[in-house]
Amino acid sequence: MQVADHRATYQTHAPHFSDADKAAAGLTAFFSITNEWGLDTDQQRTLLGSPGRSTFFKWKKQLRGQLSRDTLDRISYLLGIYKALHILFPPHSVEQWLRNPNDAPLFGGQSPLDYMLGGSLIALADVRRYLDAARG
């Protein structure tokens, strides 16, 4: 009985983030990461799931907008990839890992960045799982 009471208390006091809050935080992080990685507009759009140009530039300028579940998932995977890279490598090695050809079966000789720029959500999930496995 106490467990149920505790859950009810937690649920009433847990922070609630609106979709607008999630979009703003996600877009801010996304553009910060992709700018750090030196990605151009077309590459950024691809990683976001290829939104229309006007939508993309609105998101970039206002750091808000209506984001689909797919777009939020893509941003989430990129955040996880970014975190894992900074756990596994010193900062000056992150971009090398992203851009250099990789012989791991997942990448088949492509760079991890090129693999992700294939555009699929699955590719982002694959890279995230690959890095999580490398972290142990």
Protein backbone atom coordinates (compact mmCIF):
# COMPACT_ATOMS: atom_id res chain seq x y z
CA MET A 1 0.00 0.00 0.00
CA GLN A 2 2.82 2.40 0.75
CA VAL A 3 4.33 1.80 -2.68
CA ALA A 4 1.11 2.84 -4.39
CA ASP A 5 0.91 5.97 -2.24
CA HIS A 6 4.54 6.82 -3.06
CA ARG A 7 3.87 6.48 -6.80
CA ALA A 8 0.86 8.73 -6.61
CA THR A 9 2.91 11.37 -4.79
CA TYR A 10 5.74 11.12 -7.32
CA GLN A 11 3.37 11.39 -10.27
CA THR A 12 1.83 14.57 -8.95
CA HIS A 13 5.26 16.14 -8.36
CA ALA A 14 7.11 14.86 -11.41
CA PRO A 15 8.04 17.61 -13.84
CA HIS A 16 5.95 17.75 -16.99
CA PHE A 17 7.59 18.85 -20.19
CA SER A 18 5.36 20.09 -22.94
CA ASP A 19 5.92 19.13 -26.56
CA ALA A 20 7.20 22.68 -27.13
CA ASP A 21 9.75 22.26 -24.30
CA LYS A 22 10.94 18.96 -25.77
CA ALA A 23 11.21 20.48 -29.25
CA ALA A 24 13.17 23.50 -28.02
CA ALA A 25 15.61 21.41 -25.98
CA GLY A 26 16.01 18.83 -28.73
CA LEU A 27 16.58 21.34 -31.51
CA THR A 28 19.02 23.37 -29.43
CA ALA A 29 21.06 20.24 -28.69
CA PHE A 30 20.81 18.97 -32.27
CA PHE A 31 22.11 22.17 -33.85
CA SER A 32 24.86 22.49 -31.25
CA ILE A 33 26.08 18.94 -31.92
CA THR A 34 25.85 19.11 -35.71
CA ASN A 35 27.61 22.49 -35.74
CA GLU A 36 30.37 21.01 -33.57
CA TRP A 37 30.68 18.15 -36.08
CA GLY A 38 30.86 20.62 -38.97
CA LEU A 39 27.76 19.35 -40.77
CA ASP A 40 26.20 21.40 -43.52
CA THR A 41 22.51 22.14 -43.97
CA ASP A 42 21.83 19.15 -46.21
CA GLN A 43 23.52 16.78 -43.76
CA GLN A 44 21.57 18.26 -40.86
CA ARG A 45 18.31 17.89 -42.76
CA THR A 46 19.12 14.27 -43.58
CA LEU A 47 19.79 13.42 -39.94
CA LEU A 48 16.48 15.06 -38.98
CA GLY A 49 14.60 12.93 -41.51
CA SER A 50 14.65 15.38 -44.43
CA PRO A 51 12.07 17.96 -43.36
CA GLY A 52 11.14 20.56 -45.97
CA ARG A 53 13.61 23.40 -46.34
CA SER A 54 11.24 26.04 -44.97
CA THR A 55 10.39 23.86 -41.96
CA PHE A 56 14.06 23.14 -41.34
CA PHE A 57 15.07 26.82 -41.45
CA LYS A 58 12.15 27.75 -39.20
CA TRP A 59 13.34 25.15 -36.67
CA LYS A 60 16.91 26.40 -36.95
CA LYS A 61 15.97 30.05 -36.51
CA GLN A 62 13.29 29.72 -33.82
CA LEU A 63 14.50 26.52 -32.10
CA ARG A 64 10.91 25.39 -31.82
CA GLY A 65 8.24 23.77 -33.87
CA GLN A 66 5.98 20.77 -34.16
CA LEU A 67 8.30 17.75 -34.16
CA SER A 68 7.09 14.31 -35.15
CA ARG A 69 7.85 11.21 -33.11
CA ASP A 70 10.35 10.24 -35.84
CA THR A 71 12.20 13.55 -35.53
CA LEU A 72 12.27 13.36 -31.73
CA ASP A 73 13.61 9.79 -31.96
CA ARG A 74 16.32 10.91 -34.39
CA ILE A 75 17.39 13.70 -32.05
CA SER A 76 17.38 11.30 -29.12
CA TYR A 77 19.63 8.84 -30.96
CA LEU A 78 22.03 11.63 -31.90
CA LEU A 79 22.20 12.80 -28.29
CA GLY A 80 23.05 9.25 -27.22
CA ILE A 81 25.67 8.95 -29.97
CA TYR A 82 27.22 12.24 -28.93
CA LYS A 83 27.36 11.22 -25.28
CA ALA A 84 28.83 7.80 -26.07
CA LEU A 85 31.49 9.30 -28.32
CA HIS A 86 32.60 11.65 -25.56
CA ILE A 87 32.79 8.79 -23.10
CA LEU A 88 34.80 6.59 -25.46
CA PHE A 89 37.13 9.14 -27.07
CA PRO A 90 38.99 12.30 -26.16
CA PRO A 91 37.32 15.35 -27.75
CA HIS A 92 39.91 15.72 -30.53
CA SER A 93 39.27 12.11 -31.67
CA VAL A 94 35.48 12.23 -31.96
CA GLU A 95 35.37 13.81 -35.40
CA GLN A 96 38.08 11.42 -36.65
CA TRP A 97 35.98 8.45 -35.60
CA LEU A 98 32.90 9.92 -37.26
CA ARG A 99 34.60 10.73 -40.57
CA ASN A 100 37.15 7.95 -41.08
CA PRO A 101 36.30 4.71 -42.89
CA ASN A 102 35.43 1.96 -40.43
CA ASP A 103 35.95 -1.75 -41.13
CA ALA A 104 33.40 -2.91 -38.56
CA PRO A 105 30.76 -5.08 -40.28
CA LEU A 106 28.07 -2.49 -39.48
CA PHE A 107 29.80 0.19 -41.54
CA GLY A 108 31.28 -1.96 -44.30
CA GLY A 109 34.17 0.43 -44.89
CA GLN A 110 32.05 3.59 -44.78
CA SER A 111 32.60 6.23 -42.17
CA PRO A 112 30.04 6.13 -39.35
CA LEU A 113 28.89 9.59 -40.44
CA ASP A 114 28.30 8.42 -44.01
CA TYR A 115 26.41 5.42 -42.67
CA MET A 116 24.15 7.71 -40.62
CA LEU A 117 23.72 10.05 -43.58
CA GLY A 118 22.08 7.19 -45.44
CA GLY A 119 19.07 8.80 -43.83
CA SER A 120 17.34 5.97 -42.03
CA LEU A 121 16.28 6.05 -38.42
CA ILE A 122 17.58 2.48 -38.19
CA ALA A 123 21.11 3.67 -39.07
CA LEU A 124 21.05 6.10 -36.16
CA ALA A 125 19.78 3.36 -33.85
CA ASP A 126 22.47 0.99 -35.14
CA VAL A 127 25.27 3.46 -34.42
CA ARG A 128 23.86 4.16 -30.98
CA ARG A 129 23.75 0.42 -30.18
CA TYR A 130 27.24 -0.07 -31.60
CA LEU A 131 28.67 2.65 -29.36
CA ASP A 132 26.70 1.47 -26.33
CA ALA A 133 28.15 -2.01 -26.84
CA ALA A 134 31.64 -0.55 -27.10
CA ARG A 135 31.08 1.23 -23.79
CA GLY A 136 30.23 -2.14 -22.21
